[in-house]
């Protein structure tokens, strides 16, 4: 098959077909995929579920693999692969209010680290019969649509990111002492520049961004609410309906994502994930 790249919606995302992920990406084909990633921010490949080792081989075509913080979720044989099981095993595991599930918050991976992951690869292994979609919002487009006055206000501001923040509705997974030591609070620009394109995007994580630095609490809350409301508008959004084996790669520098956690109890929702090393946000 000939390589084809088809947009998934106007806001972001493209489906890639005609590419054999088991083979090296080089020449015009590799360049086309790279350019599509920078243009659409998210690429979808239809694939059968891969072994962790094969998944790591595919991820290596896109960048340098970075193990995630929590050791308990790392694959036993390929530690760069995380096994993410969000299944409701018991009725009492599923809350009535979906906001009590952290995955429903709009977030970008690893922002609590000094050098967050540039990109995430996520593949579905098992999916429930309904619900469980992953949604994405384009924070680059959201920044570009701000008024000049709003851009001037946000440019040059910095925000404090923490593994846990009172702004999130529920606490995160517990860390070991070693993991706590590795995650002191960090400061990132509220508007970050993509080092590959030079384009700016809002950089905010509803689960991790604690406050705007060097302003009052009231002003910080006003600014963060403005950023949140701006970037989560429906016109910047794509909802991915998972098929078994779907492999997504997305750009954490200009996208946030959220999961629809309203799916049936007892129906397994299982993914494997790899993070790609990035640069410190500027």
C-alpha atoms as a PDB file:
ATOM      1  CA  UNK A   1       0.000   0.000   0.000  1.00  0.00           C
ATOM      2  CA  UNK A   2       1.010   3.596  -0.610  1.00  0.00           C
ATOM      3  CA  UNK A   3       1.488   5.760   2.464  1.00  0.00           C
ATOM      4  CA  UNK A   4      -1.631   7.818   3.124  1.00  0.00           C
ATOM      5  CA  UNK A   5      -2.218  10.432   5.819  1.00  0.00           C
ATOM      6  CA  UNK A   6      -5.863  11.374   6.372  1.00  0.00           C
ATOM      7  CA  UNK A   7      -6.952  14.062   8.870  1.00  0.00           C
ATOM      8  CA  UNK A   8      -9.232  12.771  11.635  1.00  0.00           C
ATOM      9  CA  UNK A   9     -10.925  16.129  12.223  1.00  0.00           C
ATOM     10  CA  UNK A  10     -10.288  19.830  11.740  1.00  0.00           C
ATOM     11  CA  UNK A  11      -8.920  20.344  15.247  1.00  0.00           C
ATOM     12  CA  UNK A  12      -6.108  17.787  15.250  1.00  0.00           C
ATOM     13  CA  UNK A  13      -5.078  14.258  14.426  1.00  0.00           C
ATOM     14  CA  UNK A  14      -4.490  12.139  11.328  1.00  0.00           C
ATOM     15  CA  UNK A  15      -4.758   8.441  10.505  1.00  0.00           C
ATOM     16  CA  UNK A  16      -1.728   6.880   8.821  1.00  0.00           C
ATOM     17  CA  UNK A  17      -2.185   3.885   6.524  1.00  0.00           C
ATOM     18  CA  UNK A  18       0.112   2.067   4.143  1.00  0.00           C
ATOM     19  CA  UNK A  19       3.026   2.005   6.587  1.00  0.00           C
ATOM     20  CA  UNK A  20       4.620  -1.186   7.920  1.00  0.00           C
ATOM     21  CA  UNK A  21       5.574  -0.315  11.490  1.00  0.00           C
ATOM     22  CA  UNK A  22       7.847  -3.359  11.695  1.00  0.00           C
ATOM     23  CA  UNK A  23      10.202  -1.853   9.119  1.00  0.00           C
ATOM     24  CA  UNK A  24      12.519   1.159   9.456  1.00  0.00           C
ATOM     25  CA  UNK A  25      11.088   4.547   8.526  1.00  0.00           C
ATOM     26  CA  UNK A  26      13.493   6.320   6.222  1.00  0.00           C
ATOM     27  CA  UNK A  27      13.676   8.679   3.270  1.00  0.00           C
ATOM     28  CA  UNK A  28      10.552  10.380   1.986  1.00  0.00           C
ATOM     29  CA  UNK A  29       8.259   8.056   3.940  1.00  0.00           C
ATOM     30  CA  UNK A  30       9.884   8.848   7.270  1.00  0.00           C
ATOM     31  CA  UNK A  31       9.939  12.563   6.480  1.00  0.00           C
ATOM     32  CA  UNK A  32       6.240  12.527   5.598  1.00  0.00           C
ATOM     33  CA  UNK A  33       5.318  10.865   8.896  1.00  0.00           C
ATOM     34  CA  UNK A  34       7.489  13.324  10.854  1.00  0.00           C
ATOM     35  CA  UNK A  35       5.921  16.315   9.104  1.00  0.00           C
ATOM     36  CA  UNK A  36       2.427  14.890   9.683  1.00  0.00           C
ATOM     37  CA  UNK A  37       3.154  14.537  13.404  1.00  0.00           C
ATOM     38  CA  UNK A  38       4.236  18.178  13.672  1.00  0.00           C
ATOM     39  CA  UNK A  39       1.257  19.354  11.600  1.00  0.00           C
ATOM     40  CA  UNK A  40      -1.531  17.248  13.139  1.00  0.00           C
ATOM     41  CA  UNK A  41       0.012  16.684  16.620  1.00  0.00           C
ATOM     42  CA  UNK A  42      -1.513  13.186  16.827  1.00  0.00           C
ATOM     43  CA  UNK A  43      -1.145  10.176  14.535  1.00  0.00           C
ATOM     44  CA  UNK A  44      -3.248   7.010  14.601  1.00  0.00           C
ATOM     45  CA  UNK A  45      -1.975   3.684  13.265  1.00  0.00           C
ATOM     46  CA  UNK A  46      -4.300   0.679  12.985  1.00  0.00           C
ATOM     47  CA  UNK A  47      -2.384  -2.350  14.199  1.00  0.00           C
ATOM     48  CA  UNK A  48      -2.835  -5.659  15.970  1.00  0.00           C
ATOM     49  CA  UNK A  49      -1.808  -5.542  19.642  1.00  0.00           C
ATOM     50  CA  UNK A  50       1.978  -5.691  19.892  1.00  0.00           C
ATOM     51  CA  UNK A  51       4.169  -7.426  22.434  1.00  0.00           C
ATOM     52  CA  UNK A  52       5.887  -4.959  24.792  1.00  0.00           C
ATOM     53  CA  UNK A  53       9.188  -5.608  23.006  1.00  0.00           C
ATOM     54  CA  UNK A  54       7.698  -4.927  19.558  1.00  0.00           C
ATOM     55  CA  UNK A  55       5.909  -1.867  20.909  1.00  0.00           C
ATOM     56  CA  UNK A  56       9.242  -0.544  22.176  1.00  0.00           C
ATOM     57  CA  UNK A  57      10.811  -1.189  18.766  1.00  0.00           C
ATOM     58  CA  UNK A  58       8.079   0.876  17.092  1.00  0.00           C
ATOM     59  CA  UNK A  59       8.433   3.694  19.616  1.00  0.00           C
ATOM     60  CA  UNK A  60      12.172   3.828  19.003  1.00  0.00           C
ATOM     61  CA  UNK A  61      11.465   4.938  15.425  1.00  0.00           C
ATOM     62  CA  UNK A  62       9.987   8.157  16.816  1.00  0.00           C
ATOM     63  CA  UNK A  63      12.445   9.076  19.559  1.00  0.00           C
ATOM     64  CA  UNK A  64      14.264   8.086  22.730  1.00  0.00           C
ATOM     65  CA  UNK A  65      12.268   6.020  25.198  1.00  0.00           C
ATOM     66  CA  UNK A  66      11.826   7.354  28.735  1.00  0.00           C
ATOM     67  CA  UNK A  67      10.588   5.115  31.587  1.00  0.00           C
ATOM     68  CA  UNK A  68       7.616   6.492  33.461  1.00  0.00           C
ATOM     69  CA  UNK A  69       7.906   7.516  37.105  1.00  0.00           C
ATOM     70  CA  UNK A  70       5.825   4.811  38.813  1.00  0.00           C
ATOM     71  CA  UNK A  71       7.794   1.572  38.905  1.00  0.00           C
ATOM     72  CA  UNK A  72       4.670  -0.434  39.788  1.00  0.00           C
ATOM     73  CA  UNK A  73       3.233   0.135  36.300  1.00  0.00           C
ATOM     74  CA  UNK A  74       6.367  -0.738  34.344  1.00  0.00           C
ATOM     75  CA  UNK A  75       6.402  -3.952  32.324  1.00  0.00           C
ATOM     76  CA  UNK A  76       8.540  -6.600  33.985  1.00  0.00           C
ATOM     77  CA  UNK A  77      10.636  -7.328  30.897  1.00  0.00           C
ATOM     78  CA  UNK A  78      10.541  -3.999  29.038  1.00  0.00           C
ATOM     79  CA  UNK A  79      10.548  -1.279  31.732  1.00  0.00           C
ATOM     80  CA  UNK A  80      10.092   1.527  29.196  1.00  0.00           C
ATOM     81  CA  UNK A  81       6.586   0.123  28.596  1.00  0.00           C
ATOM     82  CA  UNK A  82       3.879   0.913  31.143  1.00  0.00           C
ATOM     83  CA  UNK A  83       0.837  -1.321  31.526  1.00  0.00           C
ATOM     84  CA  UNK A  84      -2.241   0.820  32.201  1.00  0.00           C
ATOM     85  CA  UNK A  85      -5.302  -1.071  33.418  1.00  0.00           C
ATOM     86  CA  UNK A  86      -8.279   1.187  34.149  1.00  0.00           C
ATOM     87  CA  UNK A  87     -10.844  -1.621  34.504  1.00  0.00           C
ATOM     88  CA  UNK A  88     -13.557  -1.351  37.160  1.00  0.00           C
ATOM     89  CA  UNK A  89     -13.252  -4.747  38.826  1.00  0.00           C
ATOM     90  CA  UNK A  90     -16.014  -4.192  41.402  1.00  0.00           C
ATOM     91  CA  UNK A  91     -19.171  -2.081  41.353  1.00  0.00           C
ATOM     92  CA  UNK A  92     -17.798   0.026  44.204  1.00  0.00           C
ATOM     93  CA  UNK A  93     -14.712   0.881  42.128  1.00  0.00           C
ATOM     94  CA  UNK A  94     -16.794   3.081  39.817  1.00  0.00           C
ATOM     95  CA  UNK A  95     -17.884   6.411  41.328  1.00  0.00           C
ATOM     96  CA  UNK A  96     -21.173   8.100  40.530  1.00  0.00           C
ATOM     97  CA  UNK A  97     -19.293  11.333  39.799  1.00  0.00           C
ATOM     98  CA  UNK A  98     -16.776  10.767  36.991  1.00  0.00           C
ATOM     99  CA  UNK A  99     -14.858  13.851  38.108  1.00  0.00           C
ATOM    100  CA  UNK A 100     -13.569  11.698  40.948  1.00  0.00           C
ATOM    101  CA  UNK A 101     -11.460   9.778  38.410  1.00  0.00           C
ATOM    102  CA  UNK A 102      -8.176  11.594  37.716  1.00  0.00           C
ATOM    103  CA  UNK A 103      -8.011  10.433  34.104  1.00  0.00           C
ATOM    104  CA  UNK A 104     -11.053  12.586  33.320  1.00  0.00           C
ATOM    105  CA  UNK A 105      -9.041  15.743  34.037  1.00  0.00           C
ATOM    106  CA  UNK A 106      -7.418  17.454  31.046  1.00  0.00           C
ATOM    107  CA  UNK A 107      -3.715  16.730  31.345  1.00  0.00           C
ATOM    108  CA  UNK A 108      -0.419  16.468  29.512  1.00  0.00           C
ATOM    109  CA  UNK A 109       1.912  13.657  30.499  1.00  0.00           C
ATOM    110  CA  UNK A 110       4.806  14.173  32.897  1.00  0.00           C
ATOM    111  CA  UNK A 111       4.496  17.935  33.354  1.00  0.00           C
ATOM    112  CA  UNK A 112       5.541  17.479  37.002  1.00  0.00           C
ATOM    113  CA  UNK A 113       9.053  16.598  35.791  1.00  0.00           C
ATOM    114  CA  UNK A 114      11.742  19.149  35.006  1.00  0.00           C
ATOM    115  CA  UNK A 115      12.042  17.581  31.544  1.00  0.00           C
ATOM    116  CA  UNK A 116       8.590  16.227  30.616  1.00  0.00           C
ATOM    117  CA  UNK A 117       7.981  13.626  27.926  1.00  0.00           C
ATOM    118  CA  UNK A 118       7.808  15.138  24.444  1.00  0.00           C
ATOM    119  CA  UNK A 119       5.368  12.552  23.120  1.00  0.00           C
ATOM    120  CA  UNK A 120       3.265   9.610  24.257  1.00  0.00           C
ATOM    121  CA  UNK A 121       2.562   6.372  22.425  1.00  0.00           C
ATOM    122  CA  UNK A 122      -0.519   4.495  23.621  1.00  0.00           C
ATOM    123  CA  UNK A 123      -1.884   1.217  22.243  1.00  0.00           C
ATOM    124  CA  UNK A 124      -5.192  -0.399  23.167  1.00  0.00           C
ATOM    125  CA  UNK A 125      -5.012  -4.072  24.134  1.00  0.00           C
ATOM    126  CA  UNK A 126      -8.559  -4.596  25.419  1.00  0.00           C
ATOM    127  CA  UNK A 127     -11.441  -2.103  25.349  1.00  0.00           C
ATOM    128  CA  UNK A 128     -14.943  -1.998  26.869  1.00  0.00           C
ATOM    129  CA  UNK A 129     -18.021  -2.222  24.647  1.00  0.00           C
ATOM    130  CA  UNK A 130     -18.983   1.383  25.421  1.00  0.00           C
ATOM    131  CA  UNK A 131     -17.270   4.451  26.843  1.00  0.00           C
ATOM    132  CA  UNK A 132     -13.536   4.659  27.408  1.00  0.00           C
ATOM    133  CA  UNK A 133     -12.815   7.166  24.644  1.00  0.00           C
ATOM    134  CA  UNK A 134      -9.722   9.348  24.925  1.00  0.00           C
ATOM    135  CA  UNK A 135     -10.274  12.995  23.998  1.00  0.00           C
ATOM    136  CA  UNK A 136      -7.646  15.538  22.986  1.00  0.00           C
ATOM    137  CA  UNK A 137      -7.562  19.331  22.797  1.00  0.00           C
ATOM    138  CA  UNK A 138      -5.216  21.426  20.662  1.00  0.00           C
ATOM    139  CA  UNK A 139      -3.564  23.980  22.945  1.00  0.00           C
ATOM    140  CA  UNK A 140      -1.533  25.485  20.088  1.00  0.00           C
ATOM    141  CA  UNK A 141      -4.698  26.450  18.228  1.00  0.00           C
ATOM    142  CA  UNK A 142      -6.183  27.721  21.489  1.00  0.00           C
ATOM    143  CA  UNK A 143      -3.194  30.003  22.039  1.00  0.00           C
ATOM    144  CA  UNK A 144      -3.277  31.264  18.457  1.00  0.00           C
ATOM    145  CA  UNK A 145      -6.942  32.246  18.848  1.00  0.00           C
ATOM    146  CA  UNK A 146      -6.379  34.315  21.989  1.00  0.00           C
ATOM    147  CA  UNK A 147      -6.636  38.074  21.682  1.00  0.00           C
ATOM    148  CA  UNK A 148      -3.382  39.989  21.486  1.00  0.00           C
ATOM    149  CA  UNK A 149      -4.047  41.377  24.968  1.00  0.00           C
ATOM    150  CA  UNK A 150      -4.486  37.848  26.363  1.00  0.00           C
ATOM    151  CA  UNK A 151      -1.309  36.649  24.652  1.00  0.00           C
ATOM    152  CA  UNK A 152       0.656  39.562  26.067  1.00  0.00           C
ATOM    153  CA  UNK A 153      -0.688  38.811  29.535  1.00  0.00           C
ATOM    154  CA  UNK A 154       0.238  35.106  29.423  1.00  0.00           C
ATOM    155  CA  UNK A 155       3.558  35.284  27.580  1.00  0.00           C
ATOM    156  CA  UNK A 156       6.382  35.357  30.093  1.00  0.00           C
ATOM    157  CA  UNK A 157       4.350  33.892  32.963  1.00  0.00           C
ATOM    158  CA  UNK A 158       5.496  30.719  34.706  1.00  0.00           C
ATOM    159  CA  UNK A 159       3.462  28.071  36.520  1.00  0.00           C
ATOM    160  CA  UNK A 160       4.386  25.639  39.266  1.00  0.00           C
ATOM    161  CA  UNK A 161       3.689  21.966  38.488  1.00  0.00           C
ATOM    162  CA  UNK A 162       3.482  19.330  41.213  1.00  0.00           C
ATOM    163  CA  UNK A 163       2.848  15.595  41.269  1.00  0.00           C
ATOM    164  CA  UNK A 164      -0.111  16.453  43.507  1.00  0.00           C
ATOM    165  CA  UNK A 165      -1.989  19.733  43.737  1.00  0.00           C
ATOM    166  CA  UNK A 166      -5.093  20.767  45.718  1.00  0.00           C
ATOM    167  CA  UNK A 167      -6.532  22.038  42.424  1.00  0.00           C
ATOM    168  CA  UNK A 168      -7.059  18.429  41.296  1.00  0.00           C
ATOM    169  CA  UNK A 169     -10.318  16.868  42.547  1.00  0.00           C
ATOM    170  CA  UNK A 170      -8.707  13.642  43.826  1.00  0.00           C
ATOM    171  CA  UNK A 171      -5.190  12.631  44.880  1.00  0.00           C
ATOM    172  CA  UNK A 172      -2.870  10.787  42.465  1.00  0.00           C
ATOM    173  CA  UNK A 173      -1.419   7.300  42.847  1.00  0.00           C
ATOM    174  CA  UNK A 174       0.909   6.920  45.814  1.00  0.00           C
ATOM    175  CA  UNK A 175       4.678   7.169  45.256  1.00  0.00           C
ATOM    176  CA  UNK A 176       7.537   5.344  46.878  1.00  0.00           C
ATOM    177  CA  UNK A 177      10.063   7.464  48.744  1.00  0.00           C
ATOM    178  CA  UNK A 178      12.438   7.181  45.792  1.00  0.00           C
ATOM    179  CA  UNK A 179       9.711   8.441  43.451  1.00  0.00           C
ATOM    180  CA  UNK A 180       8.907  11.307  45.829  1.00  0.00           C
ATOM    181  CA  UNK A 181      12.568  12.298  45.841  1.00  0.00           C
ATOM    182  CA  UNK A 182      12.536  12.364  42.031  1.00  0.00           C
ATOM    183  CA  UNK A 183       9.535  14.703  41.799  1.00  0.00           C
ATOM    184  CA  UNK A 184      10.024  18.021  43.581  1.00  0.00           C
ATOM    185  CA  UNK A 185       7.786  20.794  42.293  1.00  0.00           C
ATOM    186  CA  UNK A 186       8.995  22.372  39.061  1.00  0.00           C
ATOM    187  CA  UNK A 187       8.364  25.604  37.179  1.00  0.00           C
ATOM    188  CA  UNK A 188       7.424  25.732  33.488  1.00  0.00           C
ATOM    189  CA  UNK A 189       6.330  28.560  31.183  1.00  0.00           C
ATOM    190  CA  UNK A 190       2.570  28.924  30.895  1.00  0.00           C
ATOM    191  CA  UNK A 191       3.103  29.391  27.156  1.00  0.00           C
ATOM    192  CA  UNK A 192       5.735  27.031  25.770  1.00  0.00           C
ATOM    193  CA  UNK A 193       7.484  27.110  22.423  1.00  0.00           C
ATOM    194  CA  UNK A 194       7.732  23.922  20.383  1.00  0.00           C
ATOM    195  CA  UNK A 195      11.439  23.484  19.714  1.00  0.00           C
ATOM    196  CA  UNK A 196      10.706  21.671  16.436  1.00  0.00           C
ATOM    197  CA  UNK A 197       8.349  24.254  14.926  1.00  0.00           C
ATOM    198  CA  UNK A 198       8.855  27.483  16.875  1.00  0.00           C
ATOM    199  CA  UNK A 199       5.090  27.687  17.463  1.00  0.00           C
ATOM    200  CA  UNK A 200       3.608  28.546  20.840  1.00  0.00           C
ATOM    201  CA  UNK A 201       0.999  26.634  22.830  1.00  0.00           C
ATOM    202  CA  UNK A 202      -0.702  26.905  26.201  1.00  0.00           C
ATOM    203  CA  UNK A 203       1.001  24.563  28.664  1.00  0.00           C
ATOM    204  CA  UNK A 204      -1.365  23.631  31.469  1.00  0.00           C
ATOM    205  CA  UNK A 205      -2.213  20.387  33.254  1.00  0.00           C
ATOM    206  CA  UNK A 206      -5.424  20.344  35.280  1.00  0.00           C
ATOM    207  CA  UNK A 207      -4.054  17.495  37.414  1.00  0.00           C
ATOM    208  CA  UNK A 208      -0.586  18.946  38.043  1.00  0.00           C
ATOM    209  CA  UNK A 209      -0.482  22.744  37.531  1.00  0.00           C
ATOM    210  CA  UNK A 210      -0.621  24.163  41.038  1.00  0.00           C
ATOM    211  CA  UNK A 211      -0.336  27.923  40.627  1.00  0.00           C
ATOM    212  CA  UNK A 212       1.051  30.776  38.574  1.00  0.00           C
ATOM    213  CA  UNK A 213       4.351  31.935  40.020  1.00  0.00           C
ATOM    214  CA  UNK A 214       4.838  35.396  41.530  1.00  0.00           C
ATOM    215  CA  UNK A 215       1.185  36.480  41.563  1.00  0.00           C
ATOM    216  CA  UNK A 216      -1.523  36.413  44.219  1.00  0.00           C
ATOM    217  CA  UNK A 217      -3.662  33.317  44.721  1.00  0.00           C
ATOM    218  CA  UNK A 218      -6.710  35.119  43.341  1.00  0.00           C
ATOM    219  CA  UNK A 219      -4.896  36.237  40.200  1.00  0.00           C
ATOM    220  CA  UNK A 220      -3.372  32.791  39.747  1.00  0.00           C
ATOM    221  CA  UNK A 221      -6.803  31.173  39.867  1.00  0.00           C
ATOM    222  CA  UNK A 222      -8.175  33.704  37.388  1.00  0.00           C
ATOM    223  CA  UNK A 223      -5.320  33.076  34.951  1.00  0.00           C
ATOM    224  CA  UNK A 224      -5.468  29.279  35.199  1.00  0.00           C
ATOM    225  CA  UNK A 225      -9.246  29.302  34.741  1.00  0.00           C
ATOM    226  CA  UNK A 226      -8.821  31.495  31.653  1.00  0.00           C
ATOM    227  CA  UNK A 227      -6.268  29.077  30.213  1.00  0.00           C
ATOM    228  CA  UNK A 228      -8.430  26.050  30.995  1.00  0.00           C
ATOM    229  CA  UNK A 229     -11.591  27.562  29.510  1.00  0.00           C
ATOM    230  CA  UNK A 230      -9.719  28.704  26.407  1.00  0.00           C
ATOM    231  CA  UNK A 231      -8.070  25.401  25.540  1.00  0.00           C
ATOM    232  CA  UNK A 232     -10.953  23.006  26.271  1.00  0.00           C
ATOM    233  CA  UNK A 233     -13.456  24.498  23.831  1.00  0.00           C
ATOM    234  CA  UNK A 234     -15.185  21.980  21.554  1.00  0.00           C
ATOM    235  CA  UNK A 235     -13.626  23.464  18.407  1.00  0.00           C
ATOM    236  CA  UNK A 236     -10.158  22.332  19.558  1.00  0.00           C
ATOM    237  CA  UNK A 237     -11.250  18.787  20.436  1.00  0.00           C
ATOM    238  CA  UNK A 238     -10.981  15.304  18.943  1.00  0.00           C
ATOM    239  CA  UNK A 239     -12.570  12.235  20.580  1.00  0.00           C
ATOM    240  CA  UNK A 240     -10.854   8.954  19.750  1.00  0.00           C
ATOM    241  CA  UNK A 241     -13.083   5.881  19.601  1.00  0.00           C
ATOM    242  CA  UNK A 242     -10.693   3.047  20.323  1.00  0.00           C
ATOM    243  CA  UNK A 243     -10.438  -0.117  18.276  1.00  0.00           C
ATOM    244  CA  UNK A 244      -8.374  -3.005  19.613  1.00  0.00           C
ATOM    245  CA  UNK A 245      -4.770  -2.484  18.540  1.00  0.00           C
ATOM    246  CA  UNK A 246      -5.044   1.233  17.766  1.00  0.00           C
ATOM    247  CA  UNK A 247      -1.676   2.874  18.318  1.00  0.00           C
ATOM    248  CA  UNK A 248      -1.658   6.624  18.906  1.00  0.00           C
ATOM    249  CA  UNK A 249       1.320   8.929  19.183  1.00  0.00           C
ATOM    250  CA  UNK A 250       0.682  12.493  20.296  1.00  0.00           C
ATOM    251  CA  UNK A 251       2.622  15.644  21.085  1.00  0.00           C
ATOM    252  CA  UNK A 252       2.500  16.559  24.772  1.00  0.00           C
ATOM    253  CA  UNK A 253       3.889  20.009  23.974  1.00  0.00           C
ATOM    254  CA  UNK A 254       0.644  21.172  22.354  1.00  0.00           C
ATOM    255  CA  UNK A 255      -2.094  18.692  23.324  1.00  0.00           C
ATOM    256  CA  UNK A 256      -3.938  17.817  26.505  1.00  0.00           C
ATOM    257  CA  UNK A 257      -6.039  14.679  26.862  1.00  0.00           C
ATOM    258  CA  UNK A 258      -8.839  13.281  28.982  1.00  0.00           C
ATOM    259  CA  UNK A 259     -10.518   9.879  29.293  1.00  0.00           C
ATOM    260  CA  UNK A 260     -14.233   9.091  29.342  1.00  0.00           C
ATOM    261  CA  UNK A 261     -14.231   6.849  32.418  1.00  0.00           C
ATOM    262  CA  UNK A 262     -17.934   5.999  32.149  1.00  0.00           C
ATOM    263  CA  UNK A 263     -17.749   2.413  30.934  1.00  0.00           C
ATOM    264  CA  UNK A 264     -19.226  -0.849  32.285  1.00  0.00           C
ATOM    265  CA  UNK A 265     -17.947  -2.544  35.399  1.00  0.00           C
ATOM    266  CA  UNK A 266     -16.095  -5.769  34.653  1.00  0.00           C
ATOM    267  CA  UNK A 267     -15.284  -4.922  31.018  1.00  0.00           C
ATOM    268  CA  UNK A 268     -11.533  -4.663  30.730  1.00  0.00           C
ATOM    269  CA  UNK A 269      -9.855  -1.464  29.554  1.00  0.00           C
ATOM    270  CA  UNK A 270      -6.165  -2.161  29.065  1.00  0.00           C
ATOM    271  CA  UNK A 271      -3.482  -0.139  27.275  1.00  0.00           C
ATOM    272  CA  UNK A 272       0.277  -0.106  27.016  1.00  0.00           C
ATOM    273  CA  UNK A 273       2.152   3.189  26.971  1.00  0.00           C
ATOM    274  CA  UNK A 274       5.588   4.537  26.123  1.00  0.00           C
ATOM    275  CA  UNK A 275       6.902   8.052  26.747  1.00  0.00           C
ATOM    276  CA  UNK A 276       9.492   9.751  24.529  1.00  0.00           C
ATOM    277  CA  UNK A 277      12.172  11.968  26.011  1.00  0.00           C
ATOM    278  CA  UNK A 278      11.770  15.676  25.400  1.00  0.00           C
ATOM    279  CA  UNK A 279      13.453  18.971  26.229  1.00  0.00           C
ATOM    280  CA  UNK A 280      12.885  21.327  29.122  1.00  0.00           C
ATOM    281  CA  UNK A 281       9.962  23.625  28.219  1.00  0.00           C
ATOM    282  CA  UNK A 282      10.879  27.149  27.141  1.00  0.00           C
END
